[in-house]
Protein backbone atom coordinates (compact mmCIF):
# COMPACT_ATOMS: atom_id res chain seq x y z
CA MET A 1 0.00 0.00 0.00
CA ALA A 2 3.04 2.29 -0.25
CA ASP A 3 1.62 3.99 -3.35
CA LEU A 4 -1.74 4.71 -1.72
CA THR A 5 -1.28 7.96 0.19
CA HIS A 6 -4.52 7.65 2.17
CA PHE A 7 -3.18 4.61 4.05
CA ASP A 8 -0.43 4.65 6.67
CA GLY A 9 2.29 1.99 7.08
CA ALA A 10 -0.09 -0.25 9.04
CA GLY A 11 -2.79 -0.03 6.35
CA HIS A 12 -5.06 2.32 8.29
CA ALA A 13 -6.89 5.11 6.47
CA HIS A 14 -5.69 8.61 7.36
CA MET A 15 -5.84 12.14 6.04
CA VAL A 16 -2.65 12.99 4.13
CA ASP A 17 -0.45 15.67 5.72
CA VAL A 18 -0.07 18.37 3.06
CA SER A 19 1.47 21.01 5.33
CA ASP A 20 4.90 20.75 3.66
CA LYS A 21 3.54 20.84 0.10
CA ALA A 22 3.94 23.97 -1.99
CA VAL A 23 0.98 26.25 -2.54
CA THR A 24 0.30 26.25 -6.28
CA SER A 25 -2.48 27.17 -8.65
CA ARG A 26 -4.57 24.08 -9.33
CA VAL A 27 -7.31 23.37 -11.86
CA ALA A 28 -9.34 20.25 -12.60
CA THR A 29 -12.00 19.49 -15.20
CA ALA A 30 -14.36 16.50 -15.09
CA GLU A 31 -17.19 15.28 -17.30
CA GLY A 32 -20.20 12.99 -17.24
CA TYR A 33 -23.63 12.59 -18.79
CA VAL A 34 -27.25 11.77 -18.12
CA LYS A 35 -28.69 9.63 -20.91
CA MET A 36 -32.46 9.73 -21.39
CA LEU A 37 -35.28 9.27 -23.87
CA PRO A 38 -35.61 11.98 -26.54
CA GLU A 39 -38.99 12.93 -25.05
CA THR A 40 -37.39 13.58 -21.66
CA LEU A 41 -34.69 15.70 -23.25
CA ALA A 42 -37.40 17.70 -25.04
CA THR A 43 -39.17 18.25 -21.70
CA ILE A 44 -35.94 19.78 -20.37
CA THR A 45 -34.98 21.87 -23.40
CA GLU A 46 -38.52 23.16 -23.96
CA GLY A 47 -38.85 24.20 -20.29
CA ARG A 48 -41.80 21.88 -19.55
CA ALA A 49 -40.44 20.23 -16.39
CA LYS A 50 -42.84 20.74 -13.49
CA LYS A 51 -40.00 21.44 -11.03
CA GLY A 52 -38.67 24.39 -13.07
CA ASP A 53 -35.52 25.18 -15.03
CA VAL A 54 -33.75 21.82 -14.86
CA LEU A 55 -30.42 22.97 -16.28
CA ALA A 56 -30.19 26.06 -14.05
CA VAL A 57 -30.97 24.09 -10.89
CA ALA A 58 -28.50 21.32 -11.83
CA ARG A 59 -25.80 23.93 -12.51
CA LEU A 60 -26.29 25.47 -9.07
CA ALA A 61 -26.29 22.01 -7.46
CA GLY A 62 -23.00 21.21 -9.17
CA ILE A 63 -21.44 24.39 -7.82
CA MET A 64 -22.74 23.62 -4.35
CA GLY A 65 -21.48 20.03 -4.62
CA ALA A 66 -17.95 21.23 -5.40
CA LYS A 67 -18.05 23.49 -2.34
CA LYS A 68 -19.22 20.62 -0.07
CA THR A 69 -16.79 17.95 -1.30
CA SER A 70 -14.73 17.74 1.90
CA GLU A 71 -17.96 17.11 3.84
CA LEU A 72 -18.88 14.19 1.57
CA ILE A 73 -15.54 12.49 0.88
CA PRO A 74 -14.05 11.44 4.25
CA LEU A 75 -10.34 12.05 3.58
CA CYS A 76 -10.69 15.12 1.33
CA HIS A 77 -9.13 18.36 2.57
CA PRO A 78 -11.34 21.47 2.66
CA LEU A 79 -10.02 23.81 -0.03
CA PRO A 80 -10.46 27.51 -0.73
CA ILE A 81 -12.24 27.20 -4.07
CA THR A 82 -11.68 30.25 -6.25
CA LYS A 83 -13.87 29.27 -9.23
CA VAL A 84 -16.42 26.65 -10.21
CA SER A 85 -18.02 26.46 -13.63
CA VAL A 86 -20.57 23.81 -14.53
CA GLU A 87 -21.78 23.49 -18.10
CA LEU A 88 -24.81 21.38 -19.03
CA MET A 89 -25.12 20.75 -22.75
CA PRO A 90 -28.20 19.07 -24.22
CA ASP A 91 -27.11 16.47 -26.79
CA ALA A 92 -29.76 15.01 -29.09
CA GLU A 93 -27.36 12.30 -30.31
CA LEU A 94 -26.81 10.88 -26.80
CA PRO A 95 -29.76 11.59 -26.22
CA GLY A 96 -29.35 13.43 -22.95
CA VAL A 97 -27.29 16.08 -21.25
CA ARG A 98 -23.50 16.23 -21.13
CA ILE A 99 -21.98 17.84 -18.04
CA GLU A 100 -18.56 19.41 -17.64
CA ALA A 101 -17.21 21.07 -14.50
CA THR A 102 -14.01 23.03 -13.96
CA VAL A 103 -12.84 23.94 -10.46
CA LYS A 104 -9.90 26.15 -9.46
CA THR A 105 -7.99 26.80 -6.27
CA THR A 106 -4.64 27.93 -4.97
CA GLY A 107 -3.59 25.44 -2.36
CA GLN A 108 -1.47 22.54 -1.20
CA THR A 109 -3.50 19.68 -2.63
CA GLY A 110 -5.45 18.86 -5.78
CA ILE A 111 -8.97 19.87 -6.74
CA GLU A 112 -9.92 16.77 -8.76
CA MET A 113 -12.47 15.48 -6.26
CA GLU A 114 -14.29 18.81 -6.32
CA ALA A 115 -14.62 18.70 -10.12
CA LEU A 116 -15.85 15.09 -10.00
CA THR A 117 -18.30 15.91 -7.21
CA ALA A 118 -19.63 18.91 -9.15
CA VAL A 119 -20.41 16.67 -12.15
CA SER A 120 -21.94 13.96 -9.97
CA THR A 121 -24.12 16.38 -8.03
CA ALA A 122 -25.31 18.09 -11.20
CA ALA A 123 -26.17 14.71 -12.75
CA LEU A 124 -28.07 13.52 -9.68
CA THR A 125 -29.98 16.81 -9.50
CA LEU A 126 -30.90 16.61 -13.17
CA TYR A 127 -32.19 13.08 -12.56
CA ASP A 128 -34.21 14.27 -9.55
CA MET A 129 -35.74 17.15 -11.51
CA VAL A 130 -37.23 14.89 -14.22
CA LYS A 131 -37.56 11.46 -12.58
CA ALA A 132 -41.34 11.84 -12.68
CA VAL A 133 -41.06 11.85 -16.50
CA GLU A 134 -38.51 9.03 -16.79
CA LYS A 135 -37.04 6.74 -14.16
CA THR A 136 -34.82 4.82 -16.61
CA MET A 137 -32.29 7.62 -17.13
CA GLU A 138 -28.65 6.55 -16.96
CA ILE A 139 -25.90 8.53 -15.25
CA GLY A 140 -22.46 7.67 -16.55
CA GLY A 141 -19.10 8.57 -17.98
CA ILE A 142 -18.00 10.49 -14.90
CA ARG A 143 -14.25 10.94 -15.19
CA LEU A 144 -11.39 13.37 -14.78
CA LEU A 145 -10.49 15.10 -18.05
CA MET A 146 -7.65 17.32 -16.88
CA LYS A 147 -5.80 18.45 -13.80
CA SER A 148 -2.89 20.82 -13.45
CA GLY A 149 -0.72 22.12 -10.66
CA GLY A 150 1.13 20.52 -7.81
CA LYS A 151 4.08 18.14 -7.84
CA SER A 152 2.57 15.75 -10.40
CA GLY A 153 1.93 18.56 -12.91
CA LEU A 154 -0.40 18.23 -15.87
CA PHE A 155 -2.69 15.26 -16.49
CA GLU A 156 -4.94 15.10 -19.56
CA ALA A 157 -7.22 12.16 -20.34
CA GLU A 158 -7.04 10.64 -23.80
């Protein structure tokens, strides 16, 4: 378990000590999607959902999710988030909504979990907003696209 930083020498979970790490600018972008029937997508894009503006509410939920990440993920450090953007893009070919979140900070540890949580929270909120129309929606493809900053530098998914 030497490569797994969230475990100590005895194999016990612990919060990583980042106090000696350099403060650097850090950015992470994640993506995901909610796949649905074309009729459900039309309900969203035409503004016919009974709960209101689905995309606006999901965007706000994604931003809130990023800000609450350290409360949800047990060993995540609380970070001073400086920017969160959540984009929800209807995609008739999926059919569904593609979600992309970018989160920024200046700190001693990465911001990847916040970007992933933003996407996840936005997807779950979108599902909640239209589950009365369709319960068979599929949430998927949640992954890290890019992260920069810190000792490990730049990562970009293929």
